[in-house]
Amino acid sequence: MSSLAMEFPDLKHDFHHALIDSVKVGPRREITMTIQAVLWDGQRGYRSPDIYLRCGGITNFDEVKAFFNKFPSLDVAWLSYAQSQKSKPGNLFIELQSERTDDKFIIQCSSVNVADSE
């Protein structure tokens, strides 16, 4: 891992095949996603307790709000820092891909915080 990547907030969890159960919009230009990751016990997968991923200072807020109004709950193939856009401290690109439609979406924000409780 490059030293630059170490400056970004750690997403802490593997969000492959996760469920975005709900999205809270606001206050201001932020969203908080309630996510359940897939955990594995041998070959048996199960949903994790709720994980809260907050994106603040969203630059493309109108697009993000419209996207989550259309998909208030979403199975994602993955959610991570975008590969197609270069994140920098204070200018982060979080990308997700829908499990069912293969649609990709990028959230451009200034901060990301992951917590295991609200």
PDB file of N, CA and C in Angstrom:
ATOM      1  N   MET A   1       0.847  -1.179   0.000  1.00  0.00           N
ATOM      2  CA  MET A   1       0.000   0.000   0.000  1.00  0.00           C
ATOM      3  C   MET A   1       0.884   1.231   0.000  1.00  0.00           C
ATOM      4  N   SER A   2       0.559   2.197  -0.831  1.00  0.00           N
ATOM      5  CA  SER A   2       1.373   3.399  -0.914  1.00  0.00           C
ATOM      6  C   SER A   2       1.182   4.262   0.320  1.00  0.00           C
ATOM      7  N   SER A   3       2.155   5.136   0.583  1.00  0.00           N
ATOM      8  CA  SER A   3       2.064   6.001   1.750  1.00  0.00           C
ATOM      9  C   SER A   3       0.906   6.986   1.604  1.00  0.00           C
ATOM     10  N   LEU A   4       0.555   7.370   0.372  1.00  0.00           N
ATOM     11  CA  LEU A   4      -0.559   8.275   0.159  1.00  0.00           C
ATOM     12  C   LEU A   4      -1.869   7.633   0.601  1.00  0.00           C
ATOM     13  N   ALA A   5      -2.066   6.355   0.317  1.00  0.00           N
ATOM     14  CA  ALA A   5      -3.296   5.663   0.691  1.00  0.00           C
ATOM     15  C   ALA A   5      -3.469   5.625   2.203  1.00  0.00           C
ATOM     16  N   MET A   6      -2.369   5.672   2.926  1.00  0.00           N
ATOM     17  CA  MET A   6      -2.439   5.633   4.384  1.00  0.00           C
ATOM     18  C   MET A   6      -3.064   6.907   4.946  1.00  0.00           C
ATOM     19  N   GLU A   7      -3.106   8.000   4.177  1.00  0.00           N
ATOM     20  CA  GLU A   7      -3.666   9.255   4.646  1.00  0.00           C
ATOM     21  C   GLU A   7      -5.192   9.270   4.584  1.00  0.00           C
ATOM     22  N   PHE A   8      -5.792   8.358   3.866  1.00  0.00           N
ATOM     23  CA  PHE A   8      -7.237   8.327   3.733  1.00  0.00           C
ATOM     24  C   PHE A   8      -7.853   7.589   4.911  1.00  0.00           C
ATOM     25  N   PRO A   9      -9.082   7.972   5.278  1.00  0.00           N
ATOM     26  CA  PRO A   9      -9.762   7.238   6.347  1.00  0.00           C
ATOM     27  C   PRO A   9      -9.928   5.765   5.966  1.00  0.00           C
ATOM     28  N   ASP A  10      -9.681   4.890   6.909  1.00  0.00           N
ATOM     29  CA  ASP A  10      -9.810   3.452   6.693  1.00  0.00           C
ATOM     30  C   ASP A  10     -11.290   3.080   6.667  1.00  0.00           C
ATOM     31  N   LEU A  11     -11.713   2.358   5.655  1.00  0.00           N
ATOM     32  CA  LEU A  11     -13.108   1.924   5.587  1.00  0.00           C
ATOM     33  C   LEU A  11     -13.393   0.767   6.551  1.00  0.00           C
ATOM     34  N   LYS A  12     -12.364   0.159   7.105  1.00  0.00           N
ATOM     35  CA  LYS A  12     -12.420  -0.835   8.198  1.00  0.00           C
ATOM     36  C   LYS A  12     -13.082  -2.162   7.860  1.00  0.00           C
ATOM     37  N   HIS A  13     -13.961  -2.200   6.891  1.00  0.00           N
ATOM     38  CA  HIS A  13     -14.728  -3.411   6.586  1.00  0.00           C
ATOM     39  C   HIS A  13     -14.613  -3.734   5.106  1.00  0.00           C
ATOM     40  N   ASP A  14     -14.879  -4.991   4.786  1.00  0.00           N
ATOM     41  CA  ASP A  14     -14.964  -5.439   3.400  1.00  0.00           C
ATOM     42  C   ASP A  14     -16.424  -5.280   2.978  1.00  0.00           C
ATOM     43  N   PHE A  15     -16.685  -4.354   2.073  1.00  0.00           N
ATOM     44  CA  PHE A  15     -18.053  -4.083   1.643  1.00  0.00           C
ATOM     45  C   PHE A  15     -18.403  -4.762   0.321  1.00  0.00           C
ATOM     46  N   HIS A  16     -17.804  -5.931   0.049  1.00  0.00           N
ATOM     47  CA  HIS A  16     -18.206  -6.726  -1.117  1.00  0.00           C
ATOM     48  C   HIS A  16     -19.486  -7.475  -0.755  1.00  0.00           C
ATOM     49  N   HIS A  17     -20.478  -7.400  -1.615  1.00  0.00           N
ATOM     50  CA  HIS A  17     -21.769  -8.072  -1.443  1.00  0.00           C
ATOM     51  C   HIS A  17     -22.477  -7.609  -0.172  1.00  0.00           C
ATOM     52  N   ALA A  18     -22.328  -6.329   0.131  1.00  0.00           N
ATOM     53  CA  ALA A  18     -22.960  -5.746   1.311  1.00  0.00           C
ATOM     54  C   ALA A  18     -24.363  -5.246   0.970  1.00  0.00           C
ATOM     55  N   LEU A  19     -25.118  -4.947   2.006  1.00  0.00           N
ATOM     56  CA  LEU A  19     -26.454  -4.382   1.856  1.00  0.00           C
ATOM     57  C   LEU A  19     -26.448  -2.983   2.453  1.00  0.00           C
ATOM     58  N   ILE A  20     -26.771  -1.985   1.636  1.00  0.00           N
ATOM     59  CA  ILE A  20     -27.044  -0.656   2.170  1.00  0.00           C
ATOM     60  C   ILE A  20     -28.511  -0.699   2.567  1.00  0.00           C
ATOM     61  N   ASP A  21     -28.751  -0.815   3.867  1.00  0.00           N
ATOM     62  CA  ASP A  21     -30.101  -1.023   4.384  1.00  0.00           C
ATOM     63  C   ASP A  21     -30.919   0.268   4.358  1.00  0.00           C
ATOM     64  N   SER A  22     -30.254   1.386   4.655  1.00  0.00           N
ATOM     65  CA  SER A  22     -30.942   2.676   4.622  1.00  0.00           C
ATOM     66  C   SER A  22     -29.910   3.786   4.480  1.00  0.00           C
ATOM     67  N   VAL A  23     -30.401   4.955   4.067  1.00  0.00           N
ATOM     68  CA  VAL A  23     -29.543   6.127   3.887  1.00  0.00           C
ATOM     69  C   VAL A  23     -30.243   7.324   4.509  1.00  0.00           C
ATOM     70  N   LYS A  24     -29.542   7.978   5.424  1.00  0.00           N
ATOM     71  CA  LYS A  24     -30.052   9.217   6.032  1.00  0.00           C
ATOM     72  C   LYS A  24     -29.365  10.387   5.340  1.00  0.00           C
ATOM     73  N   VAL A  25     -30.150  11.305   4.795  1.00  0.00           N
ATOM     74  CA  VAL A  25     -29.619  12.464   4.089  1.00  0.00           C
ATOM     75  C   VAL A  25     -29.630  13.660   5.029  1.00  0.00           C
ATOM     76  N   GLY A  26     -28.495  14.375   5.092  1.00  0.00           N
ATOM     77  CA  GLY A  26     -28.387  15.585   5.897  1.00  0.00           C
ATOM     78  C   GLY A  26     -27.892  15.287   7.292  1.00  0.00           C
ATOM     79  N   PRO A  27     -27.700  16.262   8.120  1.00  0.00           N
ATOM     80  CA  PRO A  27     -27.929  17.669   7.780  1.00  0.00           C
ATOM     81  C   PRO A  27     -26.856  18.173   6.820  1.00  0.00           C
ATOM     82  N   ARG A  28     -27.122  19.240   6.212  1.00  0.00           N
ATOM     83  CA  ARG A  28     -26.233  19.869   5.231  1.00  0.00           C
ATOM     84  C   ARG A  28     -25.927  18.908   4.085  1.00  0.00           C
ATOM     85  N   ARG A  29     -24.700  18.876   3.644  1.00  0.00           N
ATOM     86  CA  ARG A  29     -24.308  18.104   2.450  1.00  0.00           C
ATOM     87  C   ARG A  29     -23.644  16.790   2.871  1.00  0.00           C
ATOM     88  N   GLU A  30     -24.388  15.964   3.595  1.00  0.00           N
ATOM     89  CA  GLU A  30     -23.833  14.685   4.040  1.00  0.00           C
ATOM     90  C   GLU A  30     -24.889  13.598   3.968  1.00  0.00           C
ATOM     91  N   ILE A  31     -24.410  12.361   3.947  1.00  0.00           N
ATOM     92  CA  ILE A  31     -25.285  11.191   4.057  1.00  0.00           C
ATOM     93  C   ILE A  31     -24.653  10.223   5.048  1.00  0.00           C
ATOM     94  N   THR A  32     -25.501   9.431   5.678  1.00  0.00           N
ATOM     95  CA  THR A  32     -25.033   8.330   6.517  1.00  0.00           C
ATOM     96  C   THR A  32     -25.727   7.068   6.033  1.00  0.00           C
ATOM     97  N   MET A  33     -24.931   6.117   5.570  1.00  0.00           N
ATOM     98  CA  MET A  33     -25.462   4.838   5.104  1.00  0.00           C
ATOM     99  C   MET A  33     -25.398   3.818   6.244  1.00  0.00           C
ATOM    100  N   THR A  34     -26.479   3.101   6.447  1.00  0.00           N
ATOM    101  CA  THR A  34     -26.493   1.975   7.373  1.00  0.00           C
ATOM    102  C   THR A  34     -26.254   0.735   6.516  1.00  0.00           C
ATOM    103  N   ILE A  35     -25.125   0.071   6.758  1.00  0.00           N
ATOM    104  CA  ILE A  35     -24.672  -1.027   5.894  1.00  0.00           C
ATOM    105  C   ILE A  35     -24.521  -2.302   6.713  1.00  0.00           C
ATOM    106  N   GLN A  36     -24.857  -3.410   6.092  1.00  0.00           N
ATOM    107  CA  GLN A  36     -24.592  -4.725   6.667  1.00  0.00           C
ATOM    108  C   GLN A  36     -23.655  -5.453   5.707  1.00  0.00           C
ATOM    109  N   ALA A  37     -22.457  -5.723   6.183  1.00  0.00           N
ATOM    110  CA  ALA A  37     -21.470  -6.450   5.383  1.00  0.00           C
ATOM    111  C   ALA A  37     -21.774  -7.946   5.460  1.00  0.00           C
ATOM    112  N   VAL A  38     -21.201  -8.711   4.538  1.00  0.00           N
ATOM    113  CA  VAL A  38     -21.315 -10.168   4.589  1.00  0.00           C
ATOM    114  C   VAL A  38     -20.108 -10.706   5.353  1.00  0.00           C
ATOM    115  N   LEU A  39     -20.380 -11.491   6.372  1.00  0.00           N
ATOM    116  CA  LEU A  39     -19.338 -12.174   7.138  1.00  0.00           C
ATOM    117  C   LEU A  39     -19.443 -13.660   6.825  1.00  0.00           C
ATOM    118  N   TRP A  40     -18.315 -14.339   6.875  1.00  0.00           N
ATOM    119  CA  TRP A  40     -18.302 -15.754   6.507  1.00  0.00           C
ATOM    120  C   TRP A  40     -17.904 -16.625   7.680  1.00  0.00           C
ATOM    121  N   ASP A  41     -18.626 -17.734   7.848  1.00  0.00           N
ATOM    122  CA  ASP A  41     -18.300 -18.784   8.803  1.00  0.00           C
ATOM    123  C   ASP A  41     -18.162 -20.044   7.960  1.00  0.00           C
ATOM    124  N   GLY A  42     -16.926 -20.323   7.521  1.00  0.00           N
ATOM    125  CA  GLY A  42     -16.718 -21.402   6.561  1.00  0.00           C
ATOM    126  C   GLY A  42     -17.360 -21.014   5.251  1.00  0.00           C
ATOM    127  N   GLN A  43     -18.314 -21.817   4.780  1.00  0.00           N
ATOM    128  CA  GLN A  43     -18.998 -21.515   3.525  1.00  0.00           C
ATOM    129  C   GLN A  43     -20.341 -20.826   3.750  1.00  0.00           C
ATOM    130  N   ARG A  44     -20.665 -20.551   5.004  1.00  0.00           N
ATOM    131  CA  ARG A  44     -21.941 -19.923   5.326  1.00  0.00           C
ATOM    132  C   ARG A  44     -21.741 -18.416   5.514  1.00  0.00           C
ATOM    133  N   GLY A  45     -22.461 -17.632   4.718  1.00  0.00           N
ATOM    134  CA  GLY A  45     -22.398 -16.181   4.837  1.00  0.00           C
ATOM    135  C   GLY A  45     -23.575 -15.656   5.634  1.00  0.00           C
ATOM    136  N   TYR A  46     -23.354 -14.603   6.405  1.00  0.00           N
ATOM    137  CA  TYR A  46     -24.429 -13.967   7.153  1.00  0.00           C
ATOM    138  C   TYR A  46     -24.150 -12.473   7.251  1.00  0.00           C
ATOM    139  N   ARG A  47     -25.182 -11.693   7.562  1.00  0.00           N
ATOM    140  CA  ARG A  47     -25.073 -10.242   7.623  1.00  0.00           C
ATOM    141  C   ARG A  47     -24.475  -9.800   8.960  1.00  0.00           C
ATOM    142  N   SER A  48     -23.601  -8.798   8.888  1.00  0.00           N
ATOM    143  CA  SER A  48     -22.984  -8.230  10.084  1.00  0.00           C
ATOM    144  C   SER A  48     -23.996  -7.347  10.815  1.00  0.00           C
ATOM    145  N   PRO A  49     -23.698  -6.995  12.064  1.00  0.00           N
ATOM    146  CA  PRO A  49     -24.480  -5.928  12.700  1.00  0.00           C
ATOM    147  C   PRO A  49     -24.300  -4.639  11.874  1.00  0.00           C
ATOM    148  N   ASP A  50     -25.165  -3.673  12.114  1.00  0.00           N
ATOM    149  CA  ASP A  50     -25.119  -2.426  11.347  1.00  0.00           C
ATOM    150  C   ASP A  50     -23.770  -1.726  11.453  1.00  0.00           C
ATOM    151  N   ILE A  51     -23.325  -1.204  10.318  1.00  0.00           N
ATOM    152  CA  ILE A  51     -22.118  -0.383  10.201  1.00  0.00           C
ATOM    153  C   ILE A  51     -22.591   0.948   9.619  1.00  0.00           C
ATOM    154  N   TYR A  52     -22.068   2.046  10.127  1.00  0.00           N
ATOM    155  CA  TYR A  52     -22.499   3.371   9.684  1.00  0.00           C
ATOM    156  C   TYR A  52     -21.359   4.055   8.945  1.00  0.00           C
ATOM    157  N   LEU A  53     -21.585   4.346   7.664  1.00  0.00           N
ATOM    158  CA  LEU A  53     -20.592   5.029   6.851  1.00  0.00           C
ATOM    159  C   LEU A  53     -21.133   6.412   6.517  1.00  0.00           C
ATOM    160  N   ARG A  54     -20.446   7.430   7.030  1.00  0.00           N
ATOM    161  CA  ARG A  54     -20.859   8.827   6.827  1.00  0.00           C
ATOM    162  C   ARG A  54     -19.928   9.491   5.827  1.00  0.00           C
ATOM    163  N   CYS A  55     -20.512  10.115   4.805  1.00  0.00           N
ATOM    164  CA  CYS A  55     -19.768  10.921   3.840  1.00  0.00           C
ATOM    165  C   CYS A  55     -20.192  12.368   4.049  1.00  0.00           C
ATOM    166  N   GLY A  56     -19.231  13.245   4.342  1.00  0.00           N
ATOM    167  CA  GLY A  56     -19.531  14.654   4.600  1.00  0.00           C
ATOM    168  C   GLY A  56     -18.923  15.550   3.541  1.00  0.00           C
ATOM    169  N   GLY A  57     -19.471  16.750   3.438  1.00  0.00           N
ATOM    170  CA  GLY A  57     -18.967  17.714   2.457  1.00  0.00           C
ATOM    171  C   GLY A  57     -19.082  17.191   1.039  1.00  0.00           C
ATOM    172  N   ILE A  58     -20.244  16.645   0.697  1.00  0.00           N
ATOM    173  CA  ILE A  58     -20.437  16.013  -0.612  1.00  0.00           C
ATOM    174  C   ILE A  58     -20.544  17.076  -1.703  1.00  0.00           C
ATOM    175  N   THR A  59     -19.680  16.989  -2.691  1.00  0.00           N
ATOM    176  CA  THR A  59     -19.636  17.931  -3.805  1.00  0.00           C
ATOM    177  C   THR A  59     -20.782  17.690  -4.780  1.00  0.00           C
ATOM    178  N   ASN A  60     -21.051  16.436  -5.093  1.00  0.00           N
ATOM    179  CA  ASN A  60     -22.125  16.091  -6.035  1.00  0.00           C
ATOM    180  C   ASN A  60     -23.396  15.698  -5.260  1.00  0.00           C
ATOM    181  N   PHE A  61     -23.759  16.529  -4.291  1.00  0.00           N
ATOM    182  CA  PHE A  61     -24.848  16.225  -3.359  1.00  0.00           C
ATOM    183  C   PHE A  61     -26.186  15.991  -4.050  1.00  0.00           C
ATOM    184  N   ASP A  62     -26.547  16.819  -5.029  1.00  0.00           N
ATOM    185  CA  ASP A  62     -27.841  16.646  -5.703  1.00  0.00           C
ATOM    186  C   ASP A  62     -27.930  15.290  -6.388  1.00  0.00           C
ATOM    187  N   GLU A  63     -26.834  14.858  -7.037  1.00  0.00           N
ATOM    188  CA  GLU A  63     -26.802  13.542  -7.685  1.00  0.00           C
ATOM    189  C   GLU A  63     -26.894  12.423  -6.657  1.00  0.00           C
ATOM    190  N   VAL A  64     -26.169  12.573  -5.545  1.00  0.00           N
ATOM    191  CA  VAL A  64     -26.170  11.548  -4.494  1.00  0.00           C
ATOM    192  C   VAL A  64     -27.568  11.429  -3.878  1.00  0.00           C
ATOM    193  N   LYS A  65     -28.170  12.554  -3.594  1.00  0.00           N
ATOM    194  CA  LYS A  65     -29.522  12.560  -3.014  1.00  0.00           C
ATOM    195  C   LYS A  65     -30.517  11.899  -3.965  1.00  0.00           C
ATOM    196  N   ALA A  66     -30.445  12.232  -5.260  1.00  0.00           N
ATOM    197  CA  ALA A  66     -31.346  11.637  -6.256  1.00  0.00           C
ATOM    198  C   ALA A  66     -31.117  10.125  -6.371  1.00  0.00           C
ATOM    199  N   PHE A  67     -29.857   9.706  -6.353  1.00  0.00           N
ATOM    200  CA  PHE A  67     -29.538   8.283  -6.463  1.00  0.00           C
ATOM    201  C   PHE A  67     -30.154   7.501  -5.306  1.00  0.00           C
ATOM    202  N   PHE A  68     -29.961   7.996  -4.073  1.00  0.00           N
ATOM    203  CA  PHE A  68     -30.476   7.260  -2.917  1.00  0.00           C
ATOM    204  C   PHE A  68     -31.978   7.437  -2.721  1.00  0.00           C
ATOM    205  N   ASN A  69     -32.583   8.464  -3.316  1.00  0.00           N
ATOM    206  CA  ASN A  69     -34.044   8.537  -3.344  1.00  0.00           C
ATOM    207  C   ASN A  69     -34.590   7.442  -4.251  1.00  0.00           C
ATOM    208  N   LYS A  70     -33.865   7.159  -5.328  1.00  0.00           N
ATOM    209  CA  LYS A  70     -34.261   6.101  -6.273  1.00  0.00           C
ATOM    210  C   LYS A  70     -33.994   4.711  -5.689  1.00  0.00           C
ATOM    211  N   PHE A  71     -32.865   4.574  -4.956  1.00  0.00           N
ATOM    212  CA  PHE A  71     -32.469   3.286  -4.367  1.00  0.00           C
ATOM    213  C   PHE A  71     -32.254   3.454  -2.857  1.00  0.00           C
ATOM    214  N   PRO A  72     -33.332   3.551  -2.051  1.00  0.00           N
ATOM    215  CA  PRO A  72     -33.150   3.762  -0.612  1.00  0.00           C
ATOM    216  C   PRO A  72     -32.515   2.566   0.107  1.00  0.00           C
ATOM    217  N   SER A  73     -32.639   1.395  -0.499  1.00  0.00           N
ATOM    218  CA  SER A  73     -31.992   0.181   0.001  1.00  0.00           C
ATOM    219  C   SER A  73     -31.344  -0.476  -1.215  1.00  0.00           C
ATOM    220  N   LEU A  74     -30.104  -0.963  -1.058  1.00  0.00           N
ATOM    221  CA  LEU A  74     -29.375  -1.410  -2.241  1.00  0.00           C
ATOM    222  C   LEU A  74     -28.377  -2.501  -1.887  1.00  0.00           C
ATOM    223  N   ASP A  75     -28.428  -3.611  -2.635  1.00  0.00           N
ATOM    224  CA  ASP A  75     -27.381  -4.616  -2.551  1.00  0.00           C
ATOM    225  C   ASP A  75     -26.231  -4.147  -3.414  1.00  0.00           C
ATOM    226  N   VAL A  76     -25.029  -4.079  -2.835  1.00  0.00           N
ATOM    227  CA  VAL A  76     -23.885  -3.614  -3.612  1.00  0.00           C
ATOM    228  C   VAL A  76     -22.905  -4.746  -3.854  1.00  0.00           C
ATOM    229  N   ALA A  77     -22.375  -4.793  -5.066  1.00  0.00           N
ATOM    230  CA  ALA A  77     -21.325  -5.767  -5.378  1.00  0.00           C
ATOM    231  C   ALA A  77     -20.062  -5.389  -4.606  1.00  0.00           C
ATOM    232  N   TRP A  78     -19.813  -4.072  -4.512  1.00  0.00           N
ATOM    233  CA  TRP A  78     -18.684  -3.568  -3.736  1.00  0.00           C
ATOM    234  C   TRP A  78     -18.858  -2.083  -3.470  1.00  0.00           C
ATOM    235  N   LEU A  79     -18.170  -1.603  -2.462  1.00  0.00           N
ATOM    236  CA  LEU A  79     -18.108  -0.193  -2.103  1.00  0.00           C
ATOM    237  C   LEU A  79     -16.694   0.050  -1.594  1.00  0.00           C
ATOM    238  N   SER A  80     -15.984   1.003  -2.212  1.00  0.00           N
ATOM    239  CA  SER A  80     -14.588   1.265  -1.839  1.00  0.00           C
ATOM    240  C   SER A  80     -14.153   2.611  -2.412  1.00  0.00           C
ATOM    241  N   TYR A  81     -12.903   2.965  -2.161  1.00  0.00           N
ATOM    242  CA  TYR A  81     -12.354   4.141  -2.829  1.00  0.00           C
ATOM    243  C   TYR A  81     -12.325   3.863  -4.328  1.00  0.00           C
ATOM    244  N   ALA A  82     -12.726   4.850  -5.109  1.00  0.00           N
ATOM    245  CA  ALA A  82     -12.815   4.692  -6.555  1.00  0.00           C
ATOM    246  C   ALA A  82     -11.443   4.457  -7.167  1.00  0.00           C
ATOM    247  N   GLN A  83     -11.390   3.577  -8.151  1.00  0.00           N
ATOM    248  CA  GLN A  83     -10.168   3.332  -8.913  1.00  0.00           C
ATOM    249  C   GLN A  83     -10.074   4.294 -10.097  1.00  0.00           C
ATOM    250  N   SER A  84     -11.230   4.767 -10.576  1.00  0.00           N
ATOM    251  CA  SER A  84     -11.265   5.605 -11.773  1.00  0.00           C
ATOM    252  C   SER A  84     -10.995   7.087 -11.470  1.00  0.00           C
ATOM    253  N   GLN A  85     -11.084   7.473 -10.219  1.00  0.00           N
ATOM    254  CA  GLN A  85     -10.823   8.851  -9.792  1.00  0.00           C
ATOM    255  C   GLN A  85      -9.771   8.800  -8.689  1.00  0.00           C
ATOM    256  N   LYS A  86      -8.838   9.725  -8.705  1.00  0.00           N
ATOM    257  CA  LYS A  86      -7.769   9.714  -7.707  1.00  0.00           C
ATOM    258  C   LYS A  86      -8.182  10.543  -6.490  1.00  0.00           C
ATOM    259  N   SER A  87      -8.359   9.875  -5.358  1.00  0.00           N
ATOM    260  CA  SER A  87      -8.682  10.569  -4.119  1.00  0.00           C
ATOM    261  C   SER A  87      -7.452  11.268  -3.568  1.00  0.00           C
ATOM    262  N   LYS A  88      -7.702  12.396  -2.932  1.00  0.00           N
ATOM    263  CA  LYS A  88      -6.675  13.160  -2.229  1.00  0.00           C
ATOM    264  C   LYS A  88      -7.269  13.543  -0.884  1.00  0.00           C
ATOM    265  N   PRO A  89      -6.448  13.796   0.126  1.00  0.00           N
ATOM    266  CA  PRO A  89      -7.015  14.227   1.405  1.00  0.00           C
ATOM    267  C   PRO A  89      -7.941  15.430   1.204  1.00  0.00           C
ATOM    268  N   GLY A  90      -9.163  15.332   1.718  1.00  0.00           N
ATOM    269  CA  GLY A  90     -10.147  16.392   1.565  1.00  0.00           C
ATOM    270  C   GLY A  90     -10.924  16.354   0.264  1.00  0.00           C
ATOM    271  N   ASN A  91     -10.566  15.463  -0.652  1.00  0.00           N
ATOM    272  CA  ASN A  91     -11.259  15.295  -1.931  1.00  0.00           C
ATOM    273  C   ASN A  91     -11.302  13.801  -2.235  1.00  0.00           C
ATOM    274  N   LEU A  92     -12.264  13.123  -1.627  1.00  0.00           N
ATOM    275  CA  LEU A  92     -12.348  11.665  -1.667  1.00  0.00           C
ATOM    276  C   LEU A  92     -13.425  11.213  -2.641  1.00  0.00           C
ATOM    277  N   PHE A  93     -13.180  10.086  -3.283  1.00  0.00           N
ATOM    278  CA  PHE A  93     -14.128   9.497  -4.226  1.00  0.00           C
ATOM    279  C   PHE A  93     -14.461   8.092  -3.739  1.00  0.00           C
ATOM    280  N   ILE A  94     -15.704   7.907  -3.305  1.00  0.00           N
ATOM    281  CA  ILE A  94     -16.190   6.603  -2.858  1.00  0.00           C
ATOM    282  C   ILE A  94     -17.083   6.058  -3.970  1.00  0.00           C
ATOM    283  N   GLU A  95     -16.788   4.859  -4.437  1.00  0.00           N
ATOM    284  CA  GLU A  95     -17.538   4.272  -5.544  1.00  0.00           C
ATOM    285  C   GLU A  95     -18.254   3.017  -5.077  1.00  0.00           C
ATOM    286  N   LEU A  96     -19.451   2.826  -5.596  1.00  0.00           N
ATOM    287  CA  LEU A  96     -20.192   1.600  -5.319  1.00  0.00           C
ATOM    288  C   LEU A  96     -20.758   1.078  -6.624  1.00  0.00           C
ATOM    289  N   GLN A  97     -20.973  -0.230  -6.645  1.00  0.00           N
ATOM    290  CA  GLN A  97     -21.597  -0.858  -7.810  1.00  0.00           C
ATOM    291  C   GLN A  97     -22.777  -1.671  -7.330  1.00  0.00           C
ATOM    292  N   SER A  98     -23.908  -1.466  -7.962  1.00  0.00           N
ATOM    293  CA  SER A  98     -25.116  -2.212  -7.645  1.00  0.00           C
ATOM    294  C   SER A  98     -24.926  -3.686  -7.983  1.00  0.00           C
ATOM    295  N   GLU A  99     -25.372  -4.539  -7.095  1.00  0.00           N
ATOM    296  CA  GLU A  99     -25.281  -5.990  -7.305  1.00  0.00           C
ATOM    297  C   GLU A  99     -26.202  -6.436  -8.434  1.00  0.00           C
ATOM    298  N   ARG A 100     -27.363  -5.831  -8.538  1.00  0.00           N
ATOM    299  CA  ARG A 100     -28.387  -6.317  -9.469  1.00  0.00           C
ATOM    300  C   ARG A 100     -28.305  -5.710 -10.859  1.00  0.00           C
ATOM    301  N   THR A 101     -27.868  -4.442 -10.959  1.00  0.00           N
ATOM    302  CA  THR A 101     -27.896  -3.774 -12.260  1.00  0.00           C
ATOM    303  C   THR A 101     -26.509  -3.471 -12.812  1.00  0.00           C
ATOM    304  N   ASP A 102     -25.475  -3.669 -12.041  1.00  0.00           N
ATOM    305  CA  ASP A 102     -24.098  -3.333 -12.421  1.00  0.00           C
ATOM    306  C   ASP A 102     -23.873  -1.837 -12.587  1.00  0.00           C
ATOM    307  N   ASP A 103     -24.867  -0.996 -12.205  1.00  0.00           N
ATOM    308  CA  ASP A 103     -24.673   0.454 -12.242  1.00  0.00           C
ATOM    309  C   ASP A 103     -23.603   0.841 -11.237  1.00  0.00           C
ATOM    310  N   LYS A 104     -22.729   1.763 -11.643  1.00  0.00           N
ATOM    311  CA  LYS A 104     -21.704   2.296 -10.746  1.00  0.00           C
ATOM    312  C   LYS A 104     -22.065   3.724 -10.399  1.00  0.00           C
ATOM    313  N   PHE A 105     -21.686   4.136  -9.194  1.00  0.00           N
ATOM    314  CA  PHE A 105     -21.979   5.488  -8.741  1.00  0.00           C
ATOM    315  C   PHE A 105     -20.831   5.970  -7.862  1.00  0.00           C
ATOM    316  N   ILE A 106     -20.450   7.239  -8.023  1.00  0.00           N
ATOM    317  CA  ILE A 106     -19.353   7.809  -7.239  1.00  0.00           C
ATOM    318  C   ILE A 106     -19.869   8.947  -6.379  1.00  0.00           C
ATOM    319  N   ILE A 107     -19.482   8.917  -5.114  1.00  0.00           N
ATOM    320  CA  ILE A 107     -19.755   9.997  -4.173  1.00  0.00           C
ATOM    321  C   ILE A 107     -18.451  10.757  -3.990  1.00  0.00           C
ATOM    322  N   GLN A 108     -18.467  12.051  -4.316  1.00  0.00           N
ATOM    323  CA  GLN A 108     -17.284  12.887  -4.117  1.00  0.00           C
ATOM    324  C   GLN A 108     -17.508  13.684  -2.837  1.00  0.00           C
ATOM    325  N   CYS A 109     -16.609  13.506  -1.860  1.00  0.00           N
ATOM    326  CA  CYS A 109     -16.815  14.136  -0.560  1.00  0.00           C
ATOM    327  C   CYS A 109     -15.490  14.577   0.054  1.00  0.00           C
ATOM    328  N   SER A 110     -15.581  15.363   1.120  1.00  0.00           N
ATOM    329  CA  SER A 110     -14.366  15.836   1.781  1.00  0.00           C
ATOM    330  C   SER A 110     -13.979  14.977   2.979  1.00  0.00           C
ATOM    331  N   SER A 111     -14.946  14.200   3.517  1.00  0.00           N
ATOM    332  CA  SER A 111     -14.628  13.358   4.679  1.00  0.00           C
ATOM    333  C   SER A 111     -15.447  12.079   4.662  1.00  0.00           C
ATOM    334  N   VAL A 112     -14.851  11.038   5.247  1.00  0.00           N
ATOM    335  CA  VAL A 112     -15.502   9.735   5.389  1.00  0.00           C
ATOM    336  C   VAL A 112     -15.240   9.256   6.814  1.00  0.00           C
ATOM    337  N   ASN A 113     -16.299   8.731   7.432  1.00  0.00           N
ATOM    338  CA  ASN A 113     -16.166   8.189   8.775  1.00  0.00           C
ATOM    339  C   ASN A 113     -16.942   6.882   8.839  1.00  0.00           C
ATOM    340  N   VAL A 114     -16.325   5.842   9.395  1.00  0.00           N
ATOM    341  CA  VAL A 114     -16.977   4.549   9.550  1.00  0.00           C
ATOM    342  C   VAL A 114     -17.077   4.250  11.039  1.00  0.00           C
ATOM    343  N   ALA A 115     -18.281   3.879  11.492  1.00  0.00           N
ATOM    344  CA  ALA A 115     -18.483   3.578  12.910  1.00  0.00           C
ATOM    345  C   ALA A 115     -19.369   2.349  13.055  1.00  0.00           C
ATOM    346  N   ASP A 116     -19.198   1.649  14.158  1.00  0.00           N
ATOM    347  CA  ASP A 116     -20.015   0.467  14.427  1.00  0.00           C
ATOM    348  C   ASP A 116     -21.239   0.794  15.267  1.00  0.00           C
ATOM    349  N   SER A 117     -21.405   2.053  15.623  1.00  0.00           N
ATOM    350  CA  SER A 117     -22.609   2.506  16.313  1.00  0.00           C
ATOM    351  C   SER A 117     -22.893   3.943  15.896  1.00  0.00           C
ATOM    352  N   GLU A 118     -24.162   4.344  16.015  1.00  0.00           N
ATOM    353  CA  GLU A 118     -24.533   5.707  15.575  1.00  0.00           C
ATOM    354  C   GLU A 118     -23.970   6.750  16.494  1.00  0.00           C
TER     355      GLU A 118
END
